[in-house]
Protein backbone atom coordinates (compact mmCIF):
# COMPACT_ATOMS: atom_id res chain seq x y z
CA MET A 1 19.74 -52.89 -61.30
CA TYR A 2 20.34 -56.06 -63.54
CA ASN A 3 19.59 -59.25 -61.53
CA PRO A 4 19.98 -62.70 -63.34
CA ASP A 5 17.66 -64.25 -60.66
CA TYR A 6 14.84 -62.04 -61.80
CA MET A 7 15.45 -62.83 -65.50
CA ILE A 8 15.42 -66.50 -64.79
CA TYR A 9 12.30 -66.19 -62.56
CA TYR A 10 10.47 -64.26 -65.21
CA GLY A 11 11.55 -66.58 -67.85
CA ILE A 12 10.16 -69.54 -65.98
CA THR A 13 6.99 -67.63 -65.24
CA MET A 14 6.57 -66.81 -68.84
CA VAL A 15 7.04 -70.38 -70.08
CA MET A 16 4.68 -71.87 -67.40
CA SER A 17 2.14 -69.14 -68.21
CA LEU A 18 2.10 -70.00 -71.89
CA ILE A 19 1.46 -73.60 -71.15
CA GLY A 20 -1.19 -72.76 -68.80
CA MET A 21 -2.97 -70.47 -71.30
CA PHE A 22 -2.74 -73.37 -73.92
CA ILE A 23 -4.42 -75.66 -71.63
CA SER A 24 -7.17 -73.25 -70.66
CA ASN A 25 -7.91 -72.37 -74.21
CA ARG A 26 -7.99 -76.06 -74.96
CA LEU A 27 -10.36 -76.61 -72.00
CA GLN A 28 -12.61 -73.99 -73.19
CA SER A 29 -12.51 -75.12 -76.81
CA LYS A 30 -13.42 -78.64 -75.67
CA PHE A 31 -16.23 -77.26 -73.39
CA LYS A 32 -17.75 -75.47 -76.32
CA GLN A 33 -17.39 -78.47 -78.74
CA TYR A 34 -19.18 -80.86 -76.26
CA SER A 35 -21.69 -78.23 -75.25
CA GLN A 36 -22.93 -78.62 -78.84
CA VAL A 37 -23.51 -82.42 -78.24
CA GLY A 38 -26.78 -82.95 -76.56
CA LEU A 39 -27.61 -85.90 -74.38
CA ARG A 40 -29.98 -88.47 -75.50
CA ASN A 41 -31.88 -88.31 -72.28
CA GLY A 42 -32.40 -84.58 -72.53
CA MET A 43 -31.41 -84.08 -68.84
CA SER A 44 -29.81 -80.69 -67.80
CA GLY A 45 -26.64 -80.38 -65.79
CA LYS A 46 -29.06 -79.41 -62.69
CA GLU A 47 -30.91 -82.76 -63.12
CA ILE A 48 -27.63 -84.81 -63.60
CA ALA A 49 -26.35 -83.45 -60.40
CA GLU A 50 -29.53 -84.05 -58.40
CA GLN A 51 -29.72 -87.64 -59.77
CA MET A 52 -26.13 -88.36 -58.92
CA LEU A 53 -26.57 -87.22 -55.41
CA ARG A 54 -29.76 -89.24 -55.00
CA HIS A 55 -27.86 -92.30 -56.16
CA TYR A 56 -25.40 -91.93 -53.41
CA ASN A 57 -28.05 -91.08 -50.82
CA ILE A 58 -26.74 -87.48 -50.31
CA HIS A 59 -29.80 -85.58 -49.33
CA ASP A 60 -28.26 -82.63 -47.61
CA VAL A 61 -26.46 -80.95 -50.63
CA ARG A 62 -28.16 -78.30 -52.65
CA VAL A 63 -27.60 -77.89 -56.41
CA LEU A 64 -27.47 -74.15 -57.11
CA PRO A 65 -26.88 -71.72 -59.99
CA ALA A 66 -23.53 -69.70 -60.10
CA ASP A 67 -22.36 -66.82 -62.10
CA GLY A 68 -19.60 -66.95 -64.70
CA PHE A 69 -18.17 -69.19 -67.22
CA LEU A 70 -16.69 -72.47 -65.86
CA SER A 71 -17.08 -71.16 -62.45
CA ASP A 72 -18.49 -74.58 -61.27
CA HIS A 73 -17.50 -75.77 -57.80
CA TYR A 74 -18.59 -77.68 -54.74
CA ASN A 75 -18.53 -75.79 -51.41
CA PRO A 76 -18.00 -78.15 -48.52
CA THR A 77 -18.76 -75.42 -45.99
CA ASP A 78 -22.57 -74.97 -46.87
CA LYS A 79 -22.73 -78.21 -48.83
CA THR A 80 -23.64 -76.76 -52.29
CA VAL A 81 -22.83 -77.87 -55.73
CA ASN A 82 -22.54 -74.47 -57.66
CA LEU A 83 -23.06 -74.74 -61.54
CA SER A 84 -22.31 -72.03 -64.05
CA PRO A 85 -25.24 -71.12 -66.42
CA ASP A 86 -24.10 -73.19 -69.36
CA VAL A 87 -23.86 -76.23 -66.96
CA TYR A 88 -26.87 -75.70 -64.62
CA GLN A 89 -29.28 -75.06 -67.63
CA GLY A 90 -27.29 -77.05 -70.34
CA ARG A 91 -28.45 -80.34 -71.75
CA SER A 92 -25.22 -81.50 -73.14
CA VAL A 93 -22.26 -83.90 -72.78
CA ALA A 94 -20.30 -81.00 -71.30
CA ALA A 95 -22.91 -79.96 -68.80
CA ALA A 96 -23.36 -83.55 -67.54
CA ALA A 97 -19.61 -84.11 -67.22
CA VAL A 98 -19.00 -80.91 -65.14
CA ALA A 99 -22.10 -81.48 -63.14
CA ALA A 100 -21.11 -84.95 -62.30
CA HIS A 101 -17.55 -83.96 -61.61
CA GLU A 102 -18.72 -81.45 -58.85
CA CYS A 103 -20.99 -83.98 -57.46
CA GLY A 104 -17.94 -86.35 -57.38
CA HIS A 105 -16.59 -83.78 -54.67
CA ALA A 106 -19.69 -84.08 -52.79
CA VAL A 107 -19.40 -87.76 -52.78
CA GLN A 108 -15.83 -87.54 -51.43
CA HIS A 109 -17.07 -85.10 -48.70
CA ASP A 110 -19.81 -87.61 -47.78
CA THR A 111 -17.38 -90.44 -47.60
CA ALA A 112 -14.62 -88.50 -46.02
CA TYR A 113 -12.16 -89.12 -48.84
CA SER A 114 -8.82 -88.76 -47.23
CA MET A 115 -7.02 -86.44 -49.76
CA LEU A 116 -10.15 -84.05 -49.72
CA THR A 117 -9.95 -83.93 -45.88
CA LEU A 118 -6.32 -83.26 -45.89
CA ARG A 119 -6.57 -80.54 -48.39
CA SER A 120 -9.38 -78.89 -46.57
CA LYS A 121 -7.24 -78.89 -43.32
CA ILE A 122 -4.38 -77.06 -44.75
CA VAL A 123 -6.40 -74.37 -46.61
CA PRO A 124 -5.95 -71.79 -43.90
CA ILE A 125 -2.19 -71.88 -43.82
CA VAL A 126 -2.24 -72.16 -47.62
CA LYS A 127 -4.05 -68.92 -47.93
CA VAL A 128 -1.38 -67.13 -45.69
CA ALA A 129 1.35 -68.72 -47.43
CA SER A 130 -0.12 -67.76 -51.04
CA MET A 131 -0.60 -64.11 -49.98
CA ALA A 132 3.00 -63.80 -48.39
CA GLN A 133 5.04 -65.66 -51.00
CA GLN A 134 4.89 -62.90 -53.58
CA PHE A 135 6.06 -60.29 -51.33
CA LEU A 136 8.63 -62.57 -49.85
CA LEU A 137 9.86 -63.47 -53.24
CA MET A 138 10.57 -59.79 -54.31
CA PHE A 139 12.56 -59.09 -51.16
CA ALA A 140 14.27 -62.50 -51.06
CA PHE A 141 15.91 -61.69 -54.36
CA MET A 142 16.88 -58.18 -53.47
CA MET A 143 18.42 -59.05 -50.14
CA ALA A 144 19.75 -62.48 -51.06
CA ASN A 145 23.29 -61.64 -50.16
CA THR A 146 22.51 -59.51 -46.99
CA PHE A 147 19.60 -61.53 -45.56
CA PRO A 148 19.91 -65.14 -47.08
CA SER A 149 17.38 -66.51 -44.39
CA LEU A 150 14.56 -64.62 -46.20
CA MET A 151 15.05 -66.90 -49.18
CA LEU A 152 14.55 -69.91 -47.01
CA ILE A 153 11.37 -68.43 -45.54
CA THR A 154 10.20 -67.93 -49.17
CA ILE A 155 10.98 -71.54 -50.00
CA ILE A 156 8.94 -72.75 -46.90
CA ALA A 157 5.89 -70.64 -48.22
CA PHE A 158 6.29 -72.15 -51.75
CA ILE A 159 6.55 -75.66 -50.22
CA ILE A 160 3.22 -75.19 -48.63
CA THR A 161 1.52 -73.90 -51.65
CA THR A 162 3.15 -76.46 -53.94
CA ALA A 163 2.14 -79.45 -51.58
CA PHE A 164 -1.53 -78.09 -51.84
CA SER A 165 -1.25 -78.02 -55.58
CA ILE A 166 0.01 -81.62 -55.63
CA ILE A 167 -2.62 -82.86 -53.02
CA THR A 168 -5.14 -81.26 -55.27
CA LEU A 169 -4.42 -83.39 -58.13
CA PRO A 170 -5.78 -86.87 -56.76
CA VAL A 171 -8.84 -85.07 -55.43
CA GLU A 172 -9.65 -83.83 -58.90
CA PHE A 173 -8.72 -87.01 -60.67
CA ASP A 174 -10.63 -88.88 -58.13
CA ALA A 175 -13.90 -86.69 -58.58
CA SER A 176 -13.65 -87.18 -62.35
CA ASN A 177 -13.30 -90.95 -62.06
CA ARG A 178 -16.42 -91.02 -59.89
CA ALA A 179 -18.21 -88.85 -62.19
CA LEU A 180 -17.46 -91.10 -65.30
CA ALA A 181 -18.20 -94.16 -63.43
CA TRP A 182 -21.55 -92.97 -62.51
CA LEU A 183 -22.41 -91.43 -65.87
CA ASP A 184 -21.54 -94.86 -67.42
CA GLN A 185 -23.33 -97.08 -64.77
CA SER A 186 -26.40 -94.94 -64.62
CA GLY A 187 -26.71 -94.76 -68.51
CA SER A 188 -26.64 -91.07 -68.37
CA ALA A 189 -23.77 -91.03 -70.91
CA ARG A 190 -22.97 -93.96 -73.26
CA GLY A 191 -20.83 -94.39 -76.15
CA GLU A 192 -19.81 -91.21 -77.99
CA GLU A 193 -21.42 -89.19 -74.96
CA TYR A 194 -19.22 -90.89 -72.45
CA GLU A 195 -16.05 -90.45 -74.53
CA GLY A 196 -16.99 -86.60 -74.84
CA ALA A 197 -17.43 -86.40 -71.16
CA LYS A 198 -14.09 -88.24 -70.53
CA ASP A 199 -12.16 -85.86 -73.02
CA ALA A 200 -13.56 -82.80 -71.45
CA LEU A 201 -12.89 -83.90 -67.84
CA LYS A 202 -9.29 -84.70 -68.89
CA TRP A 203 -8.66 -81.22 -70.12
CA ALA A 204 -10.02 -79.90 -67.07
CA ALA A 205 -7.80 -82.05 -65.00
CA MET A 206 -4.96 -80.81 -66.98
CA THR A 207 -5.33 -77.22 -65.67
CA TYR A 208 -4.58 -78.63 -62.10
CA VAL A 209 -1.56 -80.59 -63.50
CA SER A 210 -0.22 -77.36 -65.13
CA ALA A 211 -0.66 -75.40 -61.88
CA ALA A 212 1.07 -77.89 -59.78
CA LEU A 213 4.02 -78.34 -62.35
CA SER A 214 4.58 -74.48 -62.45
CA SER A 215 4.59 -74.49 -58.82
CA LEU A 216 6.99 -77.34 -58.42
CA VAL A 217 9.43 -75.89 -61.05
CA MET A 218 9.54 -72.62 -59.28
CA LEU A 219 10.21 -74.35 -56.01
CA ILE A 220 13.03 -76.26 -57.50
CA PHE A 221 14.56 -72.99 -58.99
CA LEU A 222 14.18 -71.26 -55.37
CA ILE A 223 16.02 -74.20 -53.61
CA LEU A 224 18.81 -74.37 -56.22
CA ARG A 225 19.15 -70.57 -55.83
CA TYR A 226 19.18 -70.78 -52.10
CA MET A 227 21.85 -73.70 -52.17
CA GLY A 228 24.11 -71.74 -54.63
CA SER A 229 24.05 -68.45 -52.36
CA SER A 230 24.82 -70.74 -49.33
CA ARG A 231 27.84 -72.17 -51.16
CA ASP A 232 28.92 -68.65 -52.16
């Protein structure tokens, strides 16, 4: 049965997906571009990470290799900086930028950066809300007239996941700022190297901006839909 809400939902999803794909492709292009630009000091991503951790007197974080492309992440649970092969072994501007960024998260953890602490605390409830919201959304549209409260429950789930996406933004931007500051101050990346690292991290951050924007747009749509049905 035709449902205009579904059409609007899928339209929004398609537009935001296209934006996300563009940013993702741009990030991969930038990473490949700066992977071809070697560091003058010849250090690998692993060495960059270890040096940055030593600079901040962090001795309980391990730098480990990880599988996949751009799968780099910091795990606060076991205190590990996990670097993809191109970053772990790479001796390029891209490798240095990504390695330093992940170490930026380690520094945040070590200094109890407030936004990272907040994000970590709400992870369990976000996981539940994220798993539930897709099922809730489907039934909320189907039963909008007979069970309007279901849309309200769906909105609450989206509020949780959207809040998480928004909280993630300062965490990621701060990690990049810490990375760039250290790369500059330590002399690990200067001049064109520094500008390349800055450009690469900018596009990495844009993936989080895109995700947050997509979640926010969808939340606004659901709220307007709920308010419209309530008036009816």
